[in-house]
Amino acid sequence: MIAMPQLPSGRHFAIQADSLTDMLENAARGIRTHELMVINDTAQLYAYLDVLYFRSGTARKIPPQYFDEAHTPPEKRVPYASGHTLATLIEQEIRHWTAADQNALFDFLLEFRTRQYLLDWLNAVEKVKDRIRQHGHWLARLQALWWDTGCHPLQPEQTINHEDVTDMDNGK
């Protein structure tokens, strides 16, 4: 989990990678392999990063390695699932936020520690992809091969330039 400083409106949130961790753990067995193969840059991770909000309460202590002094959640605040991924937050929710909150979110995403967090996850994705290609369950290897060759059934279809295709019926 990586927490963001409090937004100008007072809202405080964090992102965590539990969904991504689950996908990485299962992809080598052929489960969600196609979803993993789509991820090629940090922005594509957003769909797998859960957004947490904070509310009043006391609960288990949040491990300090996730926060530095400037980014510690307020005292007596505990995280809870917002129901958004970082992607849906950006696509749907933030349009209801003030401009100041929107700018603060994008500033957070550009911070070095956030970029590093995302790059670390992207590197983990690439390592799992490589492991699947070499040692994964046969179904996962097959899915990765299909994806790499551009013929996975769930891959977006390639546009065919019909002028370049030989018309076999007319011998052209």
N, C-alpha and C. Protein backbone atom coordinates (compact mmCIF):
# COMPACT_ATOMS: atom_id res chain seq x y z
N MET A 1 0.84 -1.17 0.00
CA MET A 1 0.00 0.00 0.00
C MET A 1 0.89 1.23 0.00
N ILE A 2 0.43 2.23 -0.70
CA ILE A 2 1.12 3.52 -0.69
C ILE A 2 0.05 4.58 -0.46
N ALA A 3 0.26 5.39 0.55
CA ALA A 3 -0.75 6.39 0.93
C ALA A 3 -0.42 7.74 0.31
N MET A 4 -1.46 8.48 0.06
CA MET A 4 -1.32 9.81 -0.49
C MET A 4 -1.52 10.83 0.63
N PRO A 5 -0.86 11.99 0.52
CA PRO A 5 -1.13 13.03 1.50
C PRO A 5 -2.60 13.45 1.43
N GLN A 6 -3.05 14.05 2.46
CA GLN A 6 -4.44 14.46 2.52
C GLN A 6 -4.75 15.43 1.39
N LEU A 7 -5.86 15.21 0.72
CA LEU A 7 -6.30 16.09 -0.36
C LEU A 7 -6.75 17.44 0.22
N PRO A 8 -6.77 18.48 -0.56
CA PRO A 8 -7.24 19.78 -0.07
C PRO A 8 -8.63 19.72 0.58
N SER A 9 -9.48 18.81 0.10
CA SER A 9 -10.83 18.68 0.65
C SER A 9 -10.85 17.97 2.00
N GLY A 10 -9.73 17.36 2.37
CA GLY A 10 -9.67 16.61 3.62
C GLY A 10 -9.70 15.11 3.43
N ARG A 11 -10.08 14.66 2.25
CA ARG A 11 -10.10 13.22 1.97
C ARG A 11 -8.66 12.70 1.95
N HIS A 12 -8.52 11.48 2.38
CA HIS A 12 -7.22 10.83 2.41
C HIS A 12 -7.40 9.47 1.78
N PHE A 13 -6.48 9.05 0.92
CA PHE A 13 -6.62 7.73 0.31
C PHE A 13 -5.26 7.09 0.09
N ALA A 14 -5.32 5.83 -0.27
CA ALA A 14 -4.11 5.05 -0.55
C ALA A 14 -4.43 4.11 -1.70
N ILE A 15 -3.39 3.57 -2.31
CA ILE A 15 -3.58 2.52 -3.31
C ILE A 15 -2.85 1.28 -2.84
N GLN A 16 -3.44 0.14 -3.14
CA GLN A 16 -2.80 -1.13 -2.80
C GLN A 16 -2.96 -2.09 -3.95
N ALA A 17 -2.11 -3.07 -4.01
CA ALA A 17 -2.03 -3.95 -5.17
C ALA A 17 -2.53 -5.37 -4.88
N ASP A 18 -3.50 -5.54 -4.02
CA ASP A 18 -3.99 -6.89 -3.71
C ASP A 18 -4.52 -7.60 -4.96
N SER A 19 -5.27 -6.90 -5.81
CA SER A 19 -5.81 -7.53 -7.03
C SER A 19 -4.68 -7.93 -7.97
N LEU A 20 -3.69 -7.08 -8.07
CA LEU A 20 -2.54 -7.38 -8.93
C LEU A 20 -1.76 -8.56 -8.36
N THR A 21 -1.57 -8.58 -7.06
CA THR A 21 -0.87 -9.70 -6.41
C THR A 21 -1.59 -11.01 -6.70
N ASP A 22 -2.92 -11.00 -6.59
CA ASP A 22 -3.72 -12.19 -6.86
C ASP A 22 -3.53 -12.64 -8.30
N MET A 23 -3.55 -11.69 -9.23
CA MET A 23 -3.36 -12.04 -10.64
C MET A 23 -1.97 -12.64 -10.87
N LEU A 24 -0.95 -12.04 -10.27
CA LEU A 24 0.41 -12.55 -10.45
C LEU A 24 0.56 -13.96 -9.89
N GLU A 25 -0.11 -14.23 -8.79
CA GLU A 25 -0.01 -15.55 -8.17
C GLU A 25 -0.73 -16.62 -8.98
N ASN A 26 -1.77 -16.24 -9.71
CA ASN A 26 -2.58 -17.23 -10.43
C ASN A 26 -2.27 -17.34 -11.92
N ALA A 27 -1.61 -16.35 -12.49
CA ALA A 27 -1.39 -16.34 -13.94
C ALA A 27 -0.56 -17.51 -14.43
N ALA A 28 0.40 -17.95 -13.66
CA ALA A 28 1.26 -19.06 -14.09
C ALA A 28 0.49 -20.37 -14.19
N ARG A 29 -0.69 -20.43 -13.57
CA ARG A 29 -1.54 -21.63 -13.65
C ARG A 29 -2.59 -21.50 -14.75
N GLY A 30 -2.52 -20.42 -15.53
CA GLY A 30 -3.47 -20.24 -16.62
C GLY A 30 -4.70 -19.44 -16.25
N ILE A 31 -4.72 -18.91 -15.03
CA ILE A 31 -5.86 -18.11 -14.57
C ILE A 31 -5.50 -16.64 -14.71
N ARG A 32 -6.27 -15.91 -15.50
CA ARG A 32 -6.08 -14.47 -15.72
C ARG A 32 -4.78 -14.15 -16.48
N THR A 33 -4.23 -15.15 -17.15
CA THR A 33 -2.99 -14.93 -17.89
C THR A 33 -3.18 -13.85 -18.95
N HIS A 34 -4.31 -13.89 -19.65
CA HIS A 34 -4.55 -12.89 -20.70
C HIS A 34 -4.59 -11.48 -20.14
N GLU A 35 -5.09 -11.31 -18.91
CA GLU A 35 -5.10 -9.98 -18.30
C GLU A 35 -3.68 -9.51 -18.02
N LEU A 36 -2.86 -10.40 -17.57
CA LEU A 36 -1.47 -10.08 -17.27
C LEU A 36 -0.72 -9.67 -18.54
N MET A 37 -0.98 -10.37 -19.63
CA MET A 37 -0.26 -10.12 -20.88
C MET A 37 -0.55 -8.72 -21.44
N VAL A 38 -1.67 -8.14 -21.08
CA VAL A 38 -2.05 -6.80 -21.56
C VAL A 38 -1.14 -5.72 -20.97
N ILE A 39 -0.63 -5.96 -19.78
CA ILE A 39 0.09 -4.91 -19.03
C ILE A 39 1.49 -4.72 -19.60
N ASN A 40 1.70 -3.52 -20.16
CA ASN A 40 3.01 -3.18 -20.73
C ASN A 40 3.55 -1.86 -20.23
N ASP A 41 2.76 -1.11 -19.49
CA ASP A 41 3.25 0.15 -18.92
C ASP A 41 2.51 0.42 -17.61
N THR A 42 3.00 1.40 -16.87
CA THR A 42 2.46 1.63 -15.53
C THR A 42 0.99 2.06 -15.56
N ALA A 43 0.57 2.78 -16.58
CA ALA A 43 -0.84 3.20 -16.64
C ALA A 43 -1.77 1.99 -16.75
N GLN A 44 -1.31 0.91 -17.36
CA GLN A 44 -2.13 -0.29 -17.47
C GLN A 44 -2.25 -1.04 -16.14
N LEU A 45 -1.43 -0.68 -15.17
CA LEU A 45 -1.56 -1.25 -13.83
C LEU A 45 -2.76 -0.68 -13.08
N TYR A 46 -3.20 0.51 -13.46
CA TYR A 46 -4.25 1.22 -12.72
C TYR A 46 -5.50 0.38 -12.51
N ALA A 47 -5.84 -0.46 -13.48
CA ALA A 47 -7.04 -1.29 -13.37
C ALA A 47 -6.93 -2.34 -12.27
N TYR A 48 -5.71 -2.58 -11.79
CA TYR A 48 -5.47 -3.62 -10.79
C TYR A 48 -4.99 -3.06 -9.45
N LEU A 49 -5.03 -1.76 -9.31
CA LEU A 49 -4.64 -1.12 -8.05
C LEU A 49 -5.89 -0.61 -7.36
N ASP A 50 -6.18 -1.18 -6.20
CA ASP A 50 -7.38 -0.81 -5.46
C ASP A 50 -7.16 0.49 -4.70
N VAL A 51 -8.20 1.30 -4.66
CA VAL A 51 -8.15 2.57 -3.93
C VAL A 51 -8.81 2.36 -2.57
N LEU A 52 -8.13 2.78 -1.54
CA LEU A 52 -8.65 2.74 -0.18
C LEU A 52 -8.91 4.17 0.28
N TYR A 53 -10.00 4.36 0.99
CA TYR A 53 -10.25 5.63 1.67
C TYR A 53 -10.00 5.39 3.15
N PHE A 54 -9.94 6.45 3.91
CA PHE A 54 -9.73 6.35 5.36
C PHE A 54 -10.93 6.93 6.08
N ARG A 55 -11.30 6.31 7.20
CA ARG A 55 -12.40 6.79 8.03
C ARG A 55 -11.97 6.73 9.49
N SER A 56 -12.75 7.34 10.34
CA SER A 56 -12.46 7.32 11.78
C SER A 56 -12.53 5.90 12.30
N GLY A 57 -11.66 5.62 13.25
CA GLY A 57 -11.67 4.31 13.86
C GLY A 57 -10.28 3.91 14.29
N THR A 58 -10.24 2.81 14.99
CA THR A 58 -8.94 2.26 15.38
C THR A 58 -8.95 0.80 14.94
N ALA A 59 -7.87 0.40 14.38
CA ALA A 59 -7.75 -0.98 13.90
C ALA A 59 -6.29 -1.37 13.99
N ARG A 60 -5.98 -2.45 13.35
CA ARG A 60 -4.59 -2.89 13.35
C ARG A 60 -3.69 -1.77 12.85
N LYS A 61 -2.51 -1.76 13.35
CA LYS A 61 -1.55 -0.72 12.97
C LYS A 61 -1.11 -0.95 11.53
N ILE A 62 -1.04 0.12 10.77
CA ILE A 62 -0.59 0.04 9.39
C ILE A 62 0.93 0.03 9.40
N PRO A 63 1.55 -0.92 8.72
CA PRO A 63 3.01 -1.00 8.74
C PRO A 63 3.67 0.30 8.30
N PRO A 64 4.64 0.80 9.05
CA PRO A 64 5.24 2.10 8.77
C PRO A 64 6.02 2.16 7.46
N GLN A 65 6.44 1.02 6.91
CA GLN A 65 7.23 1.08 5.68
C GLN A 65 6.41 1.62 4.51
N TYR A 66 5.09 1.70 4.65
CA TYR A 66 4.26 2.21 3.57
C TYR A 66 4.13 3.72 3.58
N PHE A 67 4.66 4.35 4.60
CA PHE A 67 4.46 5.78 4.75
C PHE A 67 5.76 6.46 5.14
N ASP A 68 5.90 7.68 4.72
CA ASP A 68 6.98 8.49 5.26
C ASP A 68 6.29 9.58 6.08
N GLU A 69 7.04 10.43 6.74
CA GLU A 69 6.44 11.42 7.64
C GLU A 69 5.37 12.26 6.97
N ALA A 70 5.60 12.67 5.73
CA ALA A 70 4.65 13.54 5.04
C ALA A 70 3.40 12.81 4.57
N HIS A 71 3.41 11.50 4.59
CA HIS A 71 2.31 10.74 4.01
C HIS A 71 1.64 9.78 4.99
N THR A 72 1.85 9.99 6.26
CA THR A 72 1.23 9.12 7.26
C THR A 72 -0.26 9.43 7.35
N PRO A 73 -1.10 8.41 7.38
CA PRO A 73 -2.54 8.66 7.54
C PRO A 73 -2.81 9.38 8.84
N PRO A 74 -3.86 10.17 8.87
CA PRO A 74 -4.19 10.87 10.12
C PRO A 74 -4.40 9.87 11.26
N GLU A 75 -4.10 10.33 12.47
CA GLU A 75 -4.32 9.46 13.64
C GLU A 75 -5.78 9.06 13.72
N LYS A 76 -5.99 7.87 14.24
CA LYS A 76 -7.33 7.32 14.45
C LYS A 76 -8.13 7.24 13.16
N ARG A 77 -7.42 6.97 12.06
CA ARG A 77 -8.06 6.76 10.76
C ARG A 77 -7.65 5.39 10.28
N VAL A 78 -8.58 4.65 9.73
CA VAL A 78 -8.30 3.31 9.22
C VAL A 78 -8.72 3.21 7.75
N PRO A 79 -7.99 2.42 6.97
CA PRO A 79 -8.34 2.29 5.56
C PRO A 79 -9.54 1.38 5.37
N TYR A 80 -10.31 1.66 4.32
CA TYR A 80 -11.40 0.77 3.91
C TYR A 80 -11.51 0.83 2.39
N ALA A 81 -12.04 -0.23 1.80
CA ALA A 81 -12.16 -0.32 0.35
C ALA A 81 -13.12 0.73 -0.18
N SER A 82 -12.70 1.46 -1.20
CA SER A 82 -13.54 2.50 -1.79
C SER A 82 -14.48 1.93 -2.84
N GLY A 83 -14.17 0.74 -3.33
CA GLY A 83 -14.94 0.18 -4.43
C GLY A 83 -14.40 0.59 -5.79
N HIS A 84 -13.29 1.32 -5.79
CA HIS A 84 -12.67 1.78 -7.04
C HIS A 84 -11.29 1.18 -7.20
N THR A 85 -10.91 1.00 -8.44
CA THR A 85 -9.50 0.81 -8.76
C THR A 85 -8.99 2.21 -9.11
N LEU A 86 -7.70 2.34 -9.26
CA LEU A 86 -7.16 3.63 -9.65
C LEU A 86 -7.73 4.04 -11.01
N ALA A 87 -7.93 3.07 -11.90
CA ALA A 87 -8.50 3.36 -13.23
C ALA A 87 -9.92 3.89 -13.12
N THR A 88 -10.78 3.23 -12.33
CA THR A 88 -12.18 3.69 -12.24
C THR A 88 -12.27 4.99 -11.46
N LEU A 89 -11.36 5.20 -10.53
CA LEU A 89 -11.33 6.48 -9.80
C LEU A 89 -11.09 7.61 -10.80
N ILE A 90 -10.11 7.43 -11.67
CA ILE A 90 -9.77 8.47 -12.65
C ILE A 90 -10.86 8.60 -13.70
N GLU A 91 -11.44 7.48 -14.16
CA GLU A 91 -12.44 7.52 -15.22
C GLU A 91 -13.80 8.01 -14.74
N GLN A 92 -14.18 7.69 -13.51
CA GLN A 92 -15.55 7.93 -13.07
C GLN A 92 -15.66 8.89 -11.89
N GLU A 93 -14.86 8.69 -10.89
CA GLU A 93 -15.06 9.37 -9.63
C GLU A 93 -14.50 10.79 -9.58
N ILE A 94 -13.31 11.00 -10.13
CA ILE A 94 -12.66 12.29 -9.88
C ILE A 94 -13.34 13.46 -10.59
N ARG A 95 -14.19 13.17 -11.54
CA ARG A 95 -14.92 14.29 -12.16
C ARG A 95 -15.83 14.99 -11.16
N HIS A 96 -16.12 14.32 -10.05
CA HIS A 96 -16.94 14.91 -8.98
C HIS A 96 -16.08 15.63 -7.94
N TRP A 97 -14.77 15.57 -8.09
CA TRP A 97 -13.85 16.21 -7.16
C TRP A 97 -13.59 17.64 -7.58
N THR A 98 -13.10 18.42 -6.65
CA THR A 98 -12.69 19.79 -6.97
C THR A 98 -11.43 19.74 -7.83
N ALA A 99 -11.17 20.83 -8.51
CA ALA A 99 -9.95 20.91 -9.33
C ALA A 99 -8.71 20.75 -8.46
N ALA A 100 -8.74 21.30 -7.26
CA ALA A 100 -7.59 21.19 -6.35
C ALA A 100 -7.33 19.73 -5.98
N ASP A 101 -8.39 18.97 -5.70
CA ASP A 101 -8.22 17.55 -5.38
C ASP A 101 -7.73 16.76 -6.59
N GLN A 102 -8.25 17.07 -7.76
CA GLN A 102 -7.81 16.39 -8.98
C GLN A 102 -6.32 16.64 -9.21
N ASN A 103 -5.91 17.89 -9.08
CA ASN A 103 -4.49 18.22 -9.27
C ASN A 103 -3.62 17.52 -8.24
N ALA A 104 -4.10 17.44 -7.00
CA ALA A 104 -3.33 16.76 -5.95
C ALA A 104 -3.17 15.28 -6.27
N LEU A 105 -4.21 14.64 -6.80
CA LEU A 105 -4.11 13.23 -7.19
C LEU A 105 -3.06 13.06 -8.27
N PHE A 106 -3.10 13.88 -9.30
CA PHE A 106 -2.14 13.73 -10.39
C PHE A 106 -0.72 14.07 -9.94
N ASP A 107 -0.59 15.02 -9.02
CA ASP A 107 0.74 15.30 -8.45
C ASP A 107 1.27 14.08 -7.69
N PHE A 108 0.39 13.42 -6.96
CA PHE A 108 0.74 12.21 -6.22
C PHE A 108 1.23 11.12 -7.19
N LEU A 109 0.54 10.96 -8.31
CA LEU A 109 0.93 9.93 -9.28
C LEU A 109 2.27 10.23 -9.93
N LEU A 110 2.65 11.50 -9.94
CA LEU A 110 3.93 11.90 -10.54
C LEU A 110 5.08 11.92 -9.53
N GLU A 111 4.78 11.76 -8.24
CA GLU A 111 5.84 11.76 -7.23
C GLU A 111 6.80 10.60 -7.48
N PHE A 112 8.05 10.80 -7.14
CA PHE A 112 9.06 9.77 -7.34
C PHE A 112 8.67 8.46 -6.67
N ARG A 113 8.25 8.52 -5.40
CA ARG A 113 7.95 7.28 -4.67
C ARG A 113 6.77 6.53 -5.29
N THR A 114 5.79 7.27 -5.84
CA THR A 114 4.65 6.61 -6.49
C THR A 114 5.10 6.00 -7.81
N ARG A 115 5.88 6.74 -8.59
CA ARG A 115 6.40 6.20 -9.86
C ARG A 115 7.23 4.97 -9.60
N GLN A 116 8.05 5.00 -8.53
CA GLN A 116 8.88 3.84 -8.20
C GLN A 116 8.01 2.65 -7.79
N TYR A 117 6.97 2.90 -7.01
CA TYR A 117 6.02 1.86 -6.61
C TYR A 117 5.43 1.20 -7.85
N LEU A 118 5.01 2.01 -8.81
CA LEU A 118 4.41 1.49 -10.03
C LEU A 118 5.44 0.74 -10.88
N LEU A 119 6.64 1.28 -10.98
CA LEU A 119 7.70 0.59 -11.74
C LEU A 119 8.06 -0.75 -11.11
N ASP A 120 8.08 -0.80 -9.78
CA ASP A 120 8.36 -2.07 -9.10
C ASP A 120 7.30 -3.12 -9.46
N TRP A 121 6.03 -2.70 -9.50
CA TRP A 121 4.97 -3.63 -9.87
C TRP A 121 5.06 -4.02 -11.34
N LEU A 122 5.40 -3.07 -12.20
CA LEU A 122 5.55 -3.38 -13.62
C LEU A 122 6.68 -4.40 -13.82
N ASN A 123 7.77 -4.24 -13.10
CA ASN A 123 8.87 -5.20 -13.16
C ASN A 123 8.42 -6.58 -12.68
N ALA A 124 7.60 -6.61 -11.64
CA ALA A 124 7.07 -7.89 -11.14
C ALA A 124 6.21 -8.55 -12.21
N VAL A 125 5.40 -7.77 -12.90
CA VAL A 125 4.56 -8.30 -13.98
C VAL A 125 5.45 -8.90 -15.07
N GLU A 126 6.47 -8.18 -15.48
CA GLU A 126 7.37 -8.69 -16.54
C GLU A 126 8.07 -9.98 -16.12
N LYS A 127 8.47 -10.07 -14.86
CA LYS A 127 9.11 -11.30 -14.37
C LYS A 127 8.15 -12.48 -14.42
N VAL A 128 6.90 -12.25 -14.04
CA VAL A 128 5.92 -13.33 -14.08
C VAL A 128 5.63 -13.72 -15.53
N LYS A 129 5.53 -12.75 -16.42
CA LYS A 129 5.34 -13.07 -17.84
C LYS A 129 6.47 -13.96 -18.35
N ASP A 130 7.71 -13.60 -18.01
CA ASP A 130 8.85 -14.41 -18.43
C ASP A 130 8.80 -15.80 -17.82
N ARG A 131 8.43 -15.89 -16.55
CA ARG A 131 8.33 -17.19 -15.88
C ARG A 131 7.25 -18.05 -16.54
N ILE A 132 6.13 -17.41 -16.92
CA ILE A 132 5.05 -18.15 -17.59
C ILE A 132 5.56 -18.70 -18.92
N ARG A 133 6.23 -17.86 -19.69
CA ARG A 133 6.72 -18.28 -21.01
C ARG A 133 7.69 -19.46 -20.90
N GLN A 134 8.45 -19.52 -19.84
CA GLN A 134 9.46 -20.57 -19.69
C GLN A 134 8.99 -21.77 -18.88
N HIS A 135 8.24 -21.52 -17.80
CA HIS A 135 7.96 -22.60 -16.86
C HIS A 135 6.49 -22.69 -16.44
N GLY A 136 5.63 -21.92 -17.03
CA GLY A 136 4.23 -21.91 -16.60
C GLY A 136 3.50 -23.20 -16.93
N HIS A 137 2.33 -23.34 -16.36
CA HIS A 137 1.43 -24.43 -16.70
C HIS A 137 1.22 -24.39 -18.22
N TRP A 138 1.01 -25.52 -18.85
CA TRP A 138 0.91 -25.57 -20.31
C TRP A 138 -0.13 -24.61 -20.84
N LEU A 139 -1.25 -24.46 -20.12
CA LEU A 139 -2.31 -23.56 -20.58
C LEU A 139 -1.84 -22.11 -20.52
N ALA A 140 -1.12 -21.76 -19.47
CA ALA A 140 -0.59 -20.39 -19.34
C ALA A 140 0.44 -20.13 -20.44
N ARG A 141 1.31 -21.10 -20.70
CA ARG A 141 2.31 -20.92 -21.78
C ARG A 141 1.63 -20.75 -23.13
N LEU A 142 0.58 -21.54 -23.36
CA LEU A 142 -0.16 -21.43 -24.62
C LEU A 142 -0.81 -20.05 -24.75
N GLN A 143 -1.43 -19.59 -23.67
CA GLN A 143 -2.05 -18.25 -23.71
C GLN A 143 -1.01 -17.17 -23.97
N ALA A 144 0.15 -17.28 -23.33
CA ALA A 144 1.21 -16.30 -23.54
C ALA A 144 1.70 -16.35 -24.99
N LEU A 145 1.85 -17.54 -25.54
CA LEU A 145 2.28 -17.70 -26.93
C LEU A 145 1.25 -17.07 -27.87
N TRP A 146 -0.02 -17.38 -27.65
CA TRP A 146 -1.06 -16.77 -28.47
C TRP A 146 -0.99 -15.25 -28.40
N TRP A 147 -0.82 -14.75 -27.17
CA TRP A 147 -0.78 -13.29 -26.99
C TRP A 147 0.42 -12.70 -27.72
N ASP A 148 1.57 -13.32 -27.54
CA ASP A 148 2.79 -12.80 -28.16
C ASP A 148 2.72 -12.82 -29.68
N THR A 149 1.98 -13.77 -30.25
CA THR A 149 1.86 -13.85 -31.70
C THR A 149 0.66 -13.09 -32.23
N GLY A 150 -0.12 -12.49 -31.33
CA GLY A 150 -1.24 -11.65 -31.75
C GLY A 150 -2.50 -12.39 -32.12
N CYS A 151 -2.66 -13.64 -31.63
CA CYS A 151 -3.85 -14.40 -32.00
C CYS A 151 -4.64 -14.93 -30.80
N HIS A 152 -4.45 -14.33 -29.64
CA HIS A 152 -5.23 -14.75 -28.46
C HIS A 152 -6.69 -14.38 -28.70
N PRO A 153 -7.63 -15.27 -28.40
CA PRO A 153 -9.04 -14.98 -28.65
C PRO A 153 -9.56 -13.72 -27.95
N LEU A 154 -8.95 -13.31 -26.84
CA LEU A 154 -9.41 -12.13 -26.12
C LEU A 154 -8.62 -10.87 -26.48
N GLN A 155 -7.69 -11.00 -27.39
CA GLN A 155 -6.90 -9.86 -27.84
C GLN A 155 -7.74 -9.03 -28.80
N PRO A 156 -7.58 -7.71 -28.75
CA PRO A 156 -8.31 -6.90 -29.73
C PRO A 156 -7.92 -7.34 -31.14
N GLU A 157 -8.91 -7.38 -32.02
CA GLU A 157 -8.65 -7.83 -33.38
C GLU A 157 -7.77 -6.84 -34.12
N GLN A 158 -6.88 -7.38 -34.93
CA GLN A 158 -6.03 -6.56 -35.76
C GLN A 158 -6.86 -6.08 -36.96
N THR A 159 -6.64 -4.86 -37.38
CA THR A 159 -7.30 -4.34 -38.56
C THR A 159 -6.58 -4.88 -39.79
N ILE A 160 -7.31 -5.43 -40.70
CA ILE A 160 -6.73 -5.99 -41.91
C ILE A 160 -6.90 -4.99 -43.05
N ASN A 161 -5.82 -4.69 -43.72
CA ASN A 161 -5.87 -3.85 -44.89
C ASN A 161 -6.20 -4.77 -46.07
N HIS A 162 -7.44 -4.72 -46.51
CA HIS A 162 -7.90 -5.65 -47.54
C HIS A 162 -7.21 -5.45 -48.89
N GLU A 163 -6.62 -4.30 -49.12
CA GLU A 163 -5.90 -4.06 -50.37
C GLU A 163 -4.62 -4.89 -50.42
N ASP A 164 -4.09 -5.25 -49.24
CA ASP A 164 -2.85 -6.01 -49.18
C ASP A 164 -3.08 -7.52 -49.25
N VAL A 165 -4.33 -7.94 -49.16
CA VAL A 165 -4.65 -9.36 -49.13
C VAL A 165 -4.83 -9.84 -50.59
N THR A 166 -4.20 -10.93 -50.91
CA THR A 166 -4.31 -11.50 -52.26
C THR A 166 -5.69 -12.10 -52.44
N ASP A 167 -6.34 -11.76 -53.53
CA ASP A 167 -7.63 -12.34 -53.86
C ASP A 167 -7.38 -13.64 -54.57
N MET A 168 -7.49 -14.75 -53.85
CA MET A 168 -7.14 -16.06 -54.39
C MET A 168 -8.14 -16.52 -55.44
N ASP A 169 -9.39 -16.09 -55.32
CA ASP A 169 -10.39 -16.53 -56.29
C ASP A 169 -10.11 -15.94 -57.67
N ASN A 170 -9.58 -14.74 -57.71
CA ASN A 170 -9.33 -14.09 -58.99
C ASN A 170 -7.87 -14.17 -59.42
N GLY A 171 -7.05 -14.85 -58.66
CA GLY A 171 -5.66 -15.02 -58.99
C GLY A 171 -4.84 -13.75 -58.91
N LYS A 172 -5.31 -12.78 -58.19
CA LYS A 172 -4.57 -11.51 -58.07
C LYS A 172 -3.62 -11.56 -56.92
